[in-house]
């Protein structure tokens, strides 16, 4: 193959790569997921076995932890439609539990969701960002979810974000 032909092929490949990069949406153009509860597929991986997924950063409410890249399954989620504002409940060790009550329609969907994700991690998304990642410890049949083990400022921040 001649040098000129190699240069022409290399130029065409470069042009195709540039066109492909321009055609891909920028991260800011990707629509954030709706407010809701999503199954966590994995952390920091690109292949999600054909499931509809979005990867979001999560650092925790205090902004001091290590940033994790969390893949969420967007094909099945429970919209975050609450019956009232979240409530902080004081635990015996002075930590706070945040209680949220889903509206009746979402409560039925949440029961099914927690039943199919028992023992797995789920993420709560509000305002286009992950506000909490937690493990489903039991099937929640009454639509009342408890987010446990929060320090005072973290609980207040979680309540603020869930109330928006």
C-alpha atoms as a PDB file:
ATOM      1  CA  UNK A   1       0.000   0.000   0.000  1.00  0.00           C
ATOM      2  CA  UNK A   2       1.374   3.397  -0.899  1.00  0.00           C
ATOM      3  CA  UNK A   3       2.118   6.118   1.581  1.00  0.00           C
ATOM      4  CA  UNK A   4      -0.462   8.352  -0.040  1.00  0.00           C
ATOM      5  CA  UNK A   5      -3.169   5.680   0.276  1.00  0.00           C
ATOM      6  CA  UNK A   6      -2.262   5.090   3.977  1.00  0.00           C
ATOM      7  CA  UNK A   7      -2.521   8.825   4.639  1.00  0.00           C
ATOM      8  CA  UNK A   8      -5.891   8.974   2.875  1.00  0.00           C
ATOM      9  CA  UNK A   9      -7.250   6.025   4.912  1.00  0.00           C
ATOM     10  CA  UNK A  10      -5.930   7.519   8.169  1.00  0.00           C
ATOM     11  CA  UNK A  11      -7.558  10.863   7.310  1.00  0.00           C
ATOM     12  CA  UNK A  12     -10.897   9.194   6.561  1.00  0.00           C
ATOM     13  CA  UNK A  13     -10.779   7.258   9.822  1.00  0.00           C
ATOM     14  CA  UNK A  14     -10.037  10.442  11.752  1.00  0.00           C
ATOM     15  CA  UNK A  15     -12.924  12.248  10.029  1.00  0.00           C
ATOM     16  CA  UNK A  16     -15.316   9.384  10.883  1.00  0.00           C
ATOM     17  CA  UNK A  17     -14.211   9.423  14.529  1.00  0.00           C
ATOM     18  CA  UNK A  18     -14.775  13.183  14.740  1.00  0.00           C
ATOM     19  CA  UNK A  19     -18.218  12.893  13.152  1.00  0.00           C
ATOM     20  CA  UNK A  20     -19.114  10.111  15.582  1.00  0.00           C
ATOM     21  CA  UNK A  21     -18.014  12.215  18.548  1.00  0.00           C
ATOM     22  CA  UNK A  22     -20.104  15.144  17.320  1.00  0.00           C
ATOM     23  CA  UNK A  23     -23.161  12.917  16.907  1.00  0.00           C
ATOM     24  CA  UNK A  24     -22.988  11.631  20.505  1.00  0.00           C
ATOM     25  CA  UNK A  25     -24.905  13.707  23.037  1.00  0.00           C
ATOM     26  CA  UNK A  26     -22.792  15.585  25.540  1.00  0.00           C
ATOM     27  CA  UNK A  27     -23.240  14.575  29.198  1.00  0.00           C
ATOM     28  CA  UNK A  28     -25.156  17.812  29.809  1.00  0.00           C
ATOM     29  CA  UNK A  29     -27.548  16.922  26.945  1.00  0.00           C
ATOM     30  CA  UNK A  30     -28.468  13.540  28.485  1.00  0.00           C
ATOM     31  CA  UNK A  31     -31.832  13.803  30.217  1.00  0.00           C
ATOM     32  CA  UNK A  32     -31.482  13.119  33.939  1.00  0.00           C
ATOM     33  CA  UNK A  33     -33.669  10.352  35.357  1.00  0.00           C
ATOM     34  CA  UNK A  34     -37.004  11.232  36.949  1.00  0.00           C
ATOM     35  CA  UNK A  35     -37.282  11.561  40.706  1.00  0.00           C
ATOM     36  CA  UNK A  36     -37.739   8.040  41.975  1.00  0.00           C
ATOM     37  CA  UNK A  37     -36.268   4.852  43.380  1.00  0.00           C
ATOM     38  CA  UNK A  38     -34.105   2.837  40.967  1.00  0.00           C
ATOM     39  CA  UNK A  39     -32.321  -0.506  41.165  1.00  0.00           C
ATOM     40  CA  UNK A  40     -28.543  -0.183  41.244  1.00  0.00           C
ATOM     41  CA  UNK A  41     -27.074  -2.318  38.462  1.00  0.00           C
ATOM     42  CA  UNK A  42     -23.417  -1.903  39.334  1.00  0.00           C
ATOM     43  CA  UNK A  43     -20.775   0.645  40.063  1.00  0.00           C
ATOM     44  CA  UNK A  44     -18.523   2.114  37.408  1.00  0.00           C
ATOM     45  CA  UNK A  45     -19.184  -0.416  34.644  1.00  0.00           C
ATOM     46  CA  UNK A  46     -20.258   0.220  31.083  1.00  0.00           C
ATOM     47  CA  UNK A  47     -21.968  -3.062  30.103  1.00  0.00           C
ATOM     48  CA  UNK A  48     -25.337  -3.530  31.793  1.00  0.00           C
ATOM     49  CA  UNK A  49     -26.527  -6.728  30.090  1.00  0.00           C
ATOM     50  CA  UNK A  50     -28.813  -4.886  27.684  1.00  0.00           C
ATOM     51  CA  UNK A  51     -30.724  -3.004  30.371  1.00  0.00           C
ATOM     52  CA  UNK A  52     -31.637   0.646  29.988  1.00  0.00           C
ATOM     53  CA  UNK A  53     -29.201   2.391  32.277  1.00  0.00           C
ATOM     54  CA  UNK A  54     -27.853   5.749  33.270  1.00  0.00           C
ATOM     55  CA  UNK A  55     -24.633   6.247  35.219  1.00  0.00           C
ATOM     56  CA  UNK A  56     -24.596   9.034  37.802  1.00  0.00           C
ATOM     57  CA  UNK A  57     -21.998  10.170  40.305  1.00  0.00           C
ATOM     58  CA  UNK A  58     -22.777   9.723  43.992  1.00  0.00           C
ATOM     59  CA  UNK A  59     -20.724  11.168  46.799  1.00  0.00           C
ATOM     60  CA  UNK A  60     -23.120  11.059  49.689  1.00  0.00           C
ATOM     61  CA  UNK A  61     -24.999  13.942  51.200  1.00  0.00           C
ATOM     62  CA  UNK A  62     -22.054  15.440  53.036  1.00  0.00           C
ATOM     63  CA  UNK A  63     -19.964  15.753  49.863  1.00  0.00           C
ATOM     64  CA  UNK A  64     -16.930  14.387  51.714  1.00  0.00           C
ATOM     65  CA  UNK A  65     -16.885  10.766  50.587  1.00  0.00           C
ATOM     66  CA  UNK A  66     -15.281   9.274  47.529  1.00  0.00           C
ATOM     67  CA  UNK A  67     -17.249   9.846  44.323  1.00  0.00           C
ATOM     68  CA  UNK A  68     -18.814   6.591  43.118  1.00  0.00           C
ATOM     69  CA  UNK A  69     -20.168   6.114  39.599  1.00  0.00           C
ATOM     70  CA  UNK A  70     -23.438   4.228  40.009  1.00  0.00           C
ATOM     71  CA  UNK A  71     -25.361   2.606  37.136  1.00  0.00           C
ATOM     72  CA  UNK A  72     -29.137   2.716  37.578  1.00  0.00           C
ATOM     73  CA  UNK A  73     -31.699   0.538  35.826  1.00  0.00           C
ATOM     74  CA  UNK A  74     -34.068   3.058  34.216  1.00  0.00           C
ATOM     75  CA  UNK A  75     -36.391   0.422  32.769  1.00  0.00           C
ATOM     76  CA  UNK A  76     -38.131  -0.122  36.110  1.00  0.00           C
ATOM     77  CA  UNK A  77     -38.447   2.440  38.883  1.00  0.00           C
ATOM     78  CA  UNK A  78     -40.937   3.841  41.334  1.00  0.00           C
ATOM     79  CA  UNK A  79     -41.689   7.544  40.889  1.00  0.00           C
ATOM     80  CA  UNK A  80     -40.992   9.566  44.009  1.00  0.00           C
ATOM     81  CA  UNK A  81     -44.533  10.803  44.630  1.00  0.00           C
ATOM     82  CA  UNK A  82     -44.955  11.251  48.354  1.00  0.00           C
ATOM     83  CA  UNK A  83     -48.137  11.550  50.421  1.00  0.00           C
ATOM     84  CA  UNK A  84     -46.523  14.280  52.512  1.00  0.00           C
ATOM     85  CA  UNK A  85     -43.163  15.753  53.413  1.00  0.00           C
ATOM     86  CA  UNK A  86     -40.392  13.449  54.683  1.00  0.00           C
ATOM     87  CA  UNK A  87     -40.074  13.282  58.479  1.00  0.00           C
ATOM     88  CA  UNK A  88     -36.976  12.927  60.668  1.00  0.00           C
ATOM     89  CA  UNK A  89     -37.334  10.435  63.529  1.00  0.00           C
ATOM     90  CA  UNK A  90     -34.747  10.340  66.316  1.00  0.00           C
ATOM     91  CA  UNK A  91     -33.166   6.956  67.064  1.00  0.00           C
ATOM     92  CA  UNK A  92     -31.868   5.883  70.485  1.00  0.00           C
ATOM     93  CA  UNK A  93     -28.254   6.635  69.502  1.00  0.00           C
ATOM     94  CA  UNK A  94     -29.252  10.212  68.481  1.00  0.00           C
ATOM     95  CA  UNK A  95     -28.979   9.370  64.796  1.00  0.00           C
ATOM     96  CA  UNK A  96     -31.925  10.159  62.603  1.00  0.00           C
ATOM     97  CA  UNK A  97     -34.129   7.989  60.423  1.00  0.00           C
ATOM     98  CA  UNK A  98     -35.855   9.691  57.517  1.00  0.00           C
ATOM     99  CA  UNK A  99     -39.376   8.422  56.931  1.00  0.00           C
ATOM    100  CA  UNK A 100     -41.134   8.868  53.601  1.00  0.00           C
ATOM    101  CA  UNK A 101     -44.683   7.831  52.765  1.00  0.00           C
ATOM    102  CA  UNK A 102     -45.521   7.097  49.123  1.00  0.00           C
ATOM    103  CA  UNK A 103     -48.945   7.976  47.737  1.00  0.00           C
ATOM    104  CA  UNK A 104     -51.290   5.004  47.424  1.00  0.00           C
ATOM    105  CA  UNK A 105     -50.596   4.259  43.727  1.00  0.00           C
ATOM    106  CA  UNK A 106     -46.830   4.407  44.212  1.00  0.00           C
ATOM    107  CA  UNK A 107     -47.088   2.391  47.457  1.00  0.00           C
ATOM    108  CA  UNK A 108     -48.378  -0.623  45.507  1.00  0.00           C
ATOM    109  CA  UNK A 109     -45.607  -0.238  42.922  1.00  0.00           C
ATOM    110  CA  UNK A 110     -43.040   0.191  45.733  1.00  0.00           C
ATOM    111  CA  UNK A 111     -44.177  -3.067  47.372  1.00  0.00           C
ATOM    112  CA  UNK A 112     -43.623  -4.944  44.101  1.00  0.00           C
ATOM    113  CA  UNK A 113     -40.304  -3.148  43.538  1.00  0.00           C
ATOM    114  CA  UNK A 114     -38.927  -3.922  47.019  1.00  0.00           C
ATOM    115  CA  UNK A 115     -40.066  -7.537  46.669  1.00  0.00           C
ATOM    116  CA  UNK A 116     -38.129  -7.992  43.444  1.00  0.00           C
ATOM    117  CA  UNK A 117     -35.012  -6.181  44.776  1.00  0.00           C
ATOM    118  CA  UNK A 118     -34.837  -7.680  48.269  1.00  0.00           C
ATOM    119  CA  UNK A 119     -31.244  -7.679  49.547  1.00  0.00           C
ATOM    120  CA  UNK A 120     -30.085  -5.447  46.696  1.00  0.00           C
ATOM    121  CA  UNK A 121     -29.005  -1.827  46.557  1.00  0.00           C
ATOM    122  CA  UNK A 122     -31.375   0.829  45.294  1.00  0.00           C
ATOM    123  CA  UNK A 123     -30.816   4.526  44.714  1.00  0.00           C
ATOM    124  CA  UNK A 124     -33.113   7.423  45.482  1.00  0.00           C
ATOM    125  CA  UNK A 125     -32.919  10.107  42.796  1.00  0.00           C
ATOM    126  CA  UNK A 126     -34.169  13.652  43.351  1.00  0.00           C
ATOM    127  CA  UNK A 127     -33.428  16.663  41.204  1.00  0.00           C
ATOM    128  CA  UNK A 128     -31.474  14.578  38.702  1.00  0.00           C
ATOM    129  CA  UNK A 129     -28.967  13.354  41.268  1.00  0.00           C
ATOM    130  CA  UNK A 130     -28.602  10.376  43.562  1.00  0.00           C
ATOM    131  CA  UNK A 131     -29.420  11.507  47.090  1.00  0.00           C
ATOM    132  CA  UNK A 132     -29.142   8.114  48.790  1.00  0.00           C
ATOM    133  CA  UNK A 133     -28.032   4.567  48.030  1.00  0.00           C
ATOM    134  CA  UNK A 134     -29.379   1.920  50.380  1.00  0.00           C
ATOM    135  CA  UNK A 135     -30.064  -1.771  50.691  1.00  0.00           C
ATOM    136  CA  UNK A 136     -33.618  -3.158  50.577  1.00  0.00           C
ATOM    137  CA  UNK A 137     -33.919  -5.090  53.844  1.00  0.00           C
ATOM    138  CA  UNK A 138     -37.592  -6.083  53.617  1.00  0.00           C
ATOM    139  CA  UNK A 139     -40.621  -5.908  51.381  1.00  0.00           C
ATOM    140  CA  UNK A 140     -42.373  -2.625  52.116  1.00  0.00           C
ATOM    141  CA  UNK A 141     -46.109  -3.202  51.853  1.00  0.00           C
ATOM    142  CA  UNK A 142     -47.465  -0.034  53.464  1.00  0.00           C
ATOM    143  CA  UNK A 143     -45.605   2.504  51.278  1.00  0.00           C
ATOM    144  CA  UNK A 144     -43.704   3.814  54.298  1.00  0.00           C
ATOM    145  CA  UNK A 145     -39.950   3.685  53.774  1.00  0.00           C
ATOM    146  CA  UNK A 146     -37.368   4.300  56.468  1.00  0.00           C
ATOM    147  CA  UNK A 147     -33.922   5.539  55.462  1.00  0.00           C
ATOM    148  CA  UNK A 148     -31.856   4.723  58.536  1.00  0.00           C
ATOM    149  CA  UNK A 149     -28.509   5.615  60.054  1.00  0.00           C
ATOM    150  CA  UNK A 150     -28.263   9.297  59.134  1.00  0.00           C
ATOM    151  CA  UNK A 151     -26.321  11.882  61.057  1.00  0.00           C
ATOM    152  CA  UNK A 152     -28.236  15.061  61.857  1.00  0.00           C
ATOM    153  CA  UNK A 153     -26.945  17.217  58.986  1.00  0.00           C
ATOM    154  CA  UNK A 154     -27.194  14.356  56.477  1.00  0.00           C
ATOM    155  CA  UNK A 155     -30.806  13.703  57.470  1.00  0.00           C
ATOM    156  CA  UNK A 156     -31.686  17.384  57.152  1.00  0.00           C
ATOM    157  CA  UNK A 157     -30.048  17.549  53.725  1.00  0.00           C
ATOM    158  CA  UNK A 158     -31.860  14.382  52.600  1.00  0.00           C
ATOM    159  CA  UNK A 159     -35.191  15.809  53.767  1.00  0.00           C
ATOM    160  CA  UNK A 160     -34.455  19.084  51.939  1.00  0.00           C
ATOM    161  CA  UNK A 161     -33.667  17.287  48.679  1.00  0.00           C
ATOM    162  CA  UNK A 162     -36.656  14.966  48.918  1.00  0.00           C
ATOM    163  CA  UNK A 163     -38.948  17.929  49.600  1.00  0.00           C
ATOM    164  CA  UNK A 164     -38.036  19.812  46.422  1.00  0.00           C
END
